[in-house]
Amino acid sequence: MITLTQSKSKADLQGIIDLQKANLSTQISIDEKESQGFVFVRHSLEDLAKLNAIEAHIIARDGNYIAAYILAMTKASKADIPQLVPMFYQFDEIEYMGKKVSGYNYIAVGQVCIGKSYRGGGLFDKCYEKYKEVFEEKYDFAITEISTSNLRSIRAHLRIGFEVIHTFHDNVEEWNIVIWDWMKKS
């Protein structure tokens, strides 16, 4: 049985790292990247613990195994992961609904990953339902960037309510910045 909760222990964080390693873009084939999606950033246990001390990550636990996770990052942690500093720089520069993104109280999705054997069964949606349940009262919206080459991730995010608000290029990739606006009540 899968339990959705927040990460509470070093073992939870290690489970995130183990799942992350199995899905890094550098560790999987091009075919798998195209059909299943991927993650870019490799976090250390120390990085995850520092982020988790500010806002605990969402995890899906199947027994002792971490089946999925969504990392939580805030403005307070924007300089903590060097690979993600450019993402936060973009947030400082772009506007959403006539206001700089940095002027809002947002939570950034640092990364999302669903274990291979758990894909296609609704776990992505359930994890994000939990993410919203935990963070909606504290933050205006969730925001993240997704590589435009990660079509599976883009489609899944759009399906649950994220919208693309900006596209940019860095030295390697083209990225979509997406927002799930919790201020818009359905």
Protein backbone atom coordinates (compact mmCIF):
# COMPACT_ATOMS: atom_id res chain seq x y z
CA MET A 1 0.00 0.00 0.00
CA ILE A 2 1.29 3.45 -0.93
CA THR A 3 1.33 6.16 1.73
CA LEU A 4 1.66 9.84 0.84
CA THR A 5 3.46 11.90 3.46
CA GLN A 6 6.31 14.31 3.96
CA SER A 7 9.94 13.25 4.29
CA LYS A 8 10.91 12.97 7.93
CA SER A 9 14.10 10.95 8.14
CA LYS A 10 17.53 10.43 6.66
CA ALA A 11 16.20 7.14 5.25
CA ASP A 12 13.44 9.05 3.41
CA LEU A 13 16.00 11.41 1.91
CA GLN A 14 18.25 8.49 0.92
CA GLY A 15 15.23 6.88 -0.77
CA ILE A 16 14.75 10.07 -2.79
CA ILE A 17 18.40 9.98 -3.84
CA ASP A 18 18.15 6.31 -4.86
CA LEU A 19 15.09 6.99 -7.03
CA GLN A 20 16.70 10.11 -8.46
CA LYS A 21 19.87 8.20 -9.47
CA ALA A 22 17.80 5.64 -11.39
CA ASN A 23 16.13 8.41 -13.41
CA LEU A 24 18.94 10.90 -14.08
CA SER A 25 19.16 11.97 -17.71
CA THR A 26 22.79 10.84 -17.74
CA GLN A 27 21.86 7.32 -16.57
CA ILE A 28 19.07 6.37 -18.99
CA SER A 29 18.84 5.80 -22.73
CA ILE A 30 17.61 8.37 -25.23
CA ASP A 31 14.56 6.18 -25.91
CA GLU A 32 13.74 6.05 -22.20
CA LYS A 33 14.19 9.81 -21.86
CA GLU A 34 11.78 10.40 -24.72
CA SER A 35 9.12 7.94 -23.56
CA GLN A 36 9.42 8.08 -19.77
CA GLY A 37 10.91 11.44 -18.88
CA PHE A 38 13.94 12.15 -16.71
CA VAL A 39 15.44 14.31 -14.00
CA PHE A 40 18.47 16.58 -14.47
CA VAL A 41 19.81 17.57 -11.08
CA ARG A 42 21.64 15.16 -8.79
CA HIS A 43 21.21 16.22 -5.17
CA SER A 44 23.35 15.24 -2.24
CA LEU A 45 21.95 14.02 1.06
CA GLU A 46 23.12 17.30 2.61
CA ASP A 47 21.30 19.34 -0.08
CA LEU A 48 18.05 17.46 0.49
CA ALA A 49 18.35 17.76 4.26
CA LYS A 50 18.90 21.53 4.02
CA LEU A 51 15.84 21.95 1.77
CA ASN A 52 13.79 19.59 3.92
CA ALA A 53 14.54 21.66 7.03
CA ILE A 54 12.68 24.59 5.42
CA GLU A 55 9.79 22.67 3.84
CA ALA A 56 9.59 18.87 3.94
CA HIS A 57 9.39 17.11 0.59
CA ILE A 58 6.37 15.07 -0.48
CA ILE A 59 7.04 11.34 -0.78
CA ALA A 60 5.04 8.29 -1.75
CA ARG A 61 6.18 5.34 0.32
CA ASP A 62 5.50 1.72 -0.60
CA GLY A 63 6.67 -0.09 2.52
CA ASN A 64 10.24 1.11 3.03
CA TYR A 65 10.67 2.05 -0.63
CA ILE A 66 10.25 5.62 -1.90
CA ALA A 67 8.05 5.16 -4.99
CA ALA A 68 7.81 8.86 -5.85
CA TYR A 69 8.74 12.30 -4.59
CA ILE A 70 8.23 16.00 -5.17
CA LEU A 71 10.95 18.26 -3.79
CA ALA A 72 9.98 21.52 -2.10
CA MET A 73 12.09 24.66 -2.43
CA THR A 74 11.42 28.18 -1.23
CA LYS A 75 12.98 31.58 -1.86
CA ALA A 76 15.05 30.93 1.28
CA SER A 77 16.76 28.02 -0.48
CA LYS A 78 17.23 29.62 -3.89
CA ALA A 79 21.02 29.75 -3.61
CA ASP A 80 21.43 26.28 -2.05
CA ILE A 81 21.49 24.18 -5.24
CA PRO A 82 23.93 25.75 -7.74
CA GLN A 83 22.31 24.06 -10.76
CA LEU A 84 18.96 25.64 -9.85
CA VAL A 85 20.17 29.21 -9.28
CA PRO A 86 19.44 30.11 -12.95
CA MET A 87 15.83 28.93 -12.47
CA PHE A 88 15.38 31.27 -9.52
CA TYR A 89 17.05 34.06 -11.52
CA GLN A 90 14.35 33.58 -14.17
CA PHE A 91 11.70 33.80 -11.45
CA ASP A 92 13.18 37.18 -10.43
CA GLU A 93 13.02 38.49 -14.01
CA ILE A 94 9.69 37.32 -15.42
CA GLU A 95 6.15 38.48 -14.72
CA TYR A 96 2.96 36.62 -13.99
CA MET A 97 -0.36 38.44 -14.13
CA GLY A 98 1.37 41.84 -14.32
CA LYS A 99 3.68 41.28 -11.35
CA LYS A 100 7.20 39.90 -11.02
CA VAL A 101 7.11 36.26 -9.96
CA SER A 102 9.54 37.17 -7.18
CA GLY A 103 6.83 39.43 -5.74
CA TYR A 104 4.63 36.43 -4.98
CA ASN A 105 4.93 33.96 -2.15
CA TYR A 106 5.63 30.78 -4.12
CA ILE A 107 6.91 27.28 -3.56
CA ALA A 108 9.22 25.88 -6.21
CA VAL A 109 9.05 22.26 -7.28
CA GLY A 110 12.71 21.34 -7.08
CA GLN A 111 12.11 18.03 -8.88
CA VAL A 112 9.44 15.40 -9.30
CA CYS A 113 10.01 11.72 -9.99
CA ILE A 114 7.77 8.66 -10.12
CA GLY A 115 9.41 5.24 -9.94
CA LYS A 116 9.28 3.27 -13.19
CA SER A 117 7.01 0.51 -11.92
CA TYR A 118 4.56 3.08 -10.47
CA ARG A 119 4.01 5.15 -13.62
CA GLY A 120 0.66 5.32 -15.38
CA GLY A 121 -1.37 4.53 -12.26
CA GLY A 122 -2.23 8.03 -11.08
CA LEU A 123 0.59 8.41 -8.54
CA PHE A 124 1.84 11.64 -10.15
CA ASP A 125 -1.58 13.23 -9.65
CA LYS A 126 -1.89 11.90 -6.09
CA CYS A 127 1.54 13.26 -5.15
CA TYR A 128 0.63 16.68 -6.48
CA GLU A 129 -2.73 16.56 -4.66
CA LYS A 130 -0.73 16.02 -1.46
CA TYR A 131 1.70 18.80 -2.41
CA LYS A 132 -1.22 21.19 -2.87
CA GLU A 133 -2.89 20.03 0.36
CA VAL A 134 0.29 20.69 2.34
CA PHE A 135 1.39 23.97 0.74
CA GLU A 136 -1.71 25.71 -0.68
CA GLU A 137 -2.50 27.71 2.47
CA LYS A 138 1.08 29.04 2.74
CA TYR A 139 1.89 29.80 -0.90
CA ASP A 140 0.19 31.50 -3.85
CA PHE A 141 1.31 28.89 -6.34
CA ALA A 142 3.76 26.14 -7.21
CA ILE A 143 6.29 26.96 -9.91
CA THR A 144 9.02 25.03 -11.68
CA GLU A 145 10.90 24.69 -14.92
CA ILE A 146 10.68 21.69 -17.24
CA SER A 147 12.95 20.93 -20.17
CA THR A 148 10.95 21.21 -23.39
CA SER A 149 12.48 17.87 -24.37
CA ASN A 150 10.77 16.22 -21.37
CA LEU A 151 7.39 15.89 -23.07
CA ARG A 152 5.98 13.35 -20.64
CA SER A 153 6.59 15.70 -17.72
CA ILE A 154 5.19 18.73 -19.55
CA ARG A 155 2.01 16.85 -20.50
CA ALA A 156 1.53 15.55 -16.96
CA HIS A 157 2.01 19.00 -15.41
CA LEU A 158 -0.38 20.66 -17.86
CA ARG A 159 -2.96 17.94 -17.25
CA ILE A 160 -3.18 18.65 -13.52
CA GLY A 161 -3.41 22.42 -13.90
CA PHE A 162 0.03 23.92 -14.46
CA GLU A 163 0.32 26.47 -17.25
CA VAL A 164 3.38 27.58 -19.22
CA ILE A 165 4.14 31.24 -18.49
CA HIS A 166 7.62 31.59 -20.01
CA THR A 167 10.10 29.75 -22.20
CA PHE A 168 13.84 30.40 -22.22
CA HIS A 169 17.13 28.88 -23.39
CA ASP A 170 20.23 28.31 -21.33
CA ASN A 171 23.53 27.05 -22.74
CA VAL A 172 22.21 23.51 -23.10
CA GLU A 173 18.41 23.29 -23.00
CA GLU A 174 15.17 25.06 -23.73
CA TRP A 175 12.98 25.34 -20.62
CA ASN A 176 9.33 26.02 -19.89
CA ILE A 177 8.50 27.78 -16.65
CA VAL A 178 5.15 26.49 -15.42
CA ILE A 179 2.85 27.64 -12.63
CA TRP A 180 0.03 25.88 -10.78
CA ASP A 181 -1.88 28.90 -9.52
CA TRP A 182 -3.64 28.14 -6.24
CA MET A 183 -5.07 31.67 -6.03
CA LYS A 184 -7.41 30.78 -8.92
CA LYS A 185 -10.20 28.92 -7.19
CA SER A 186 -12.03 26.41 -9.35
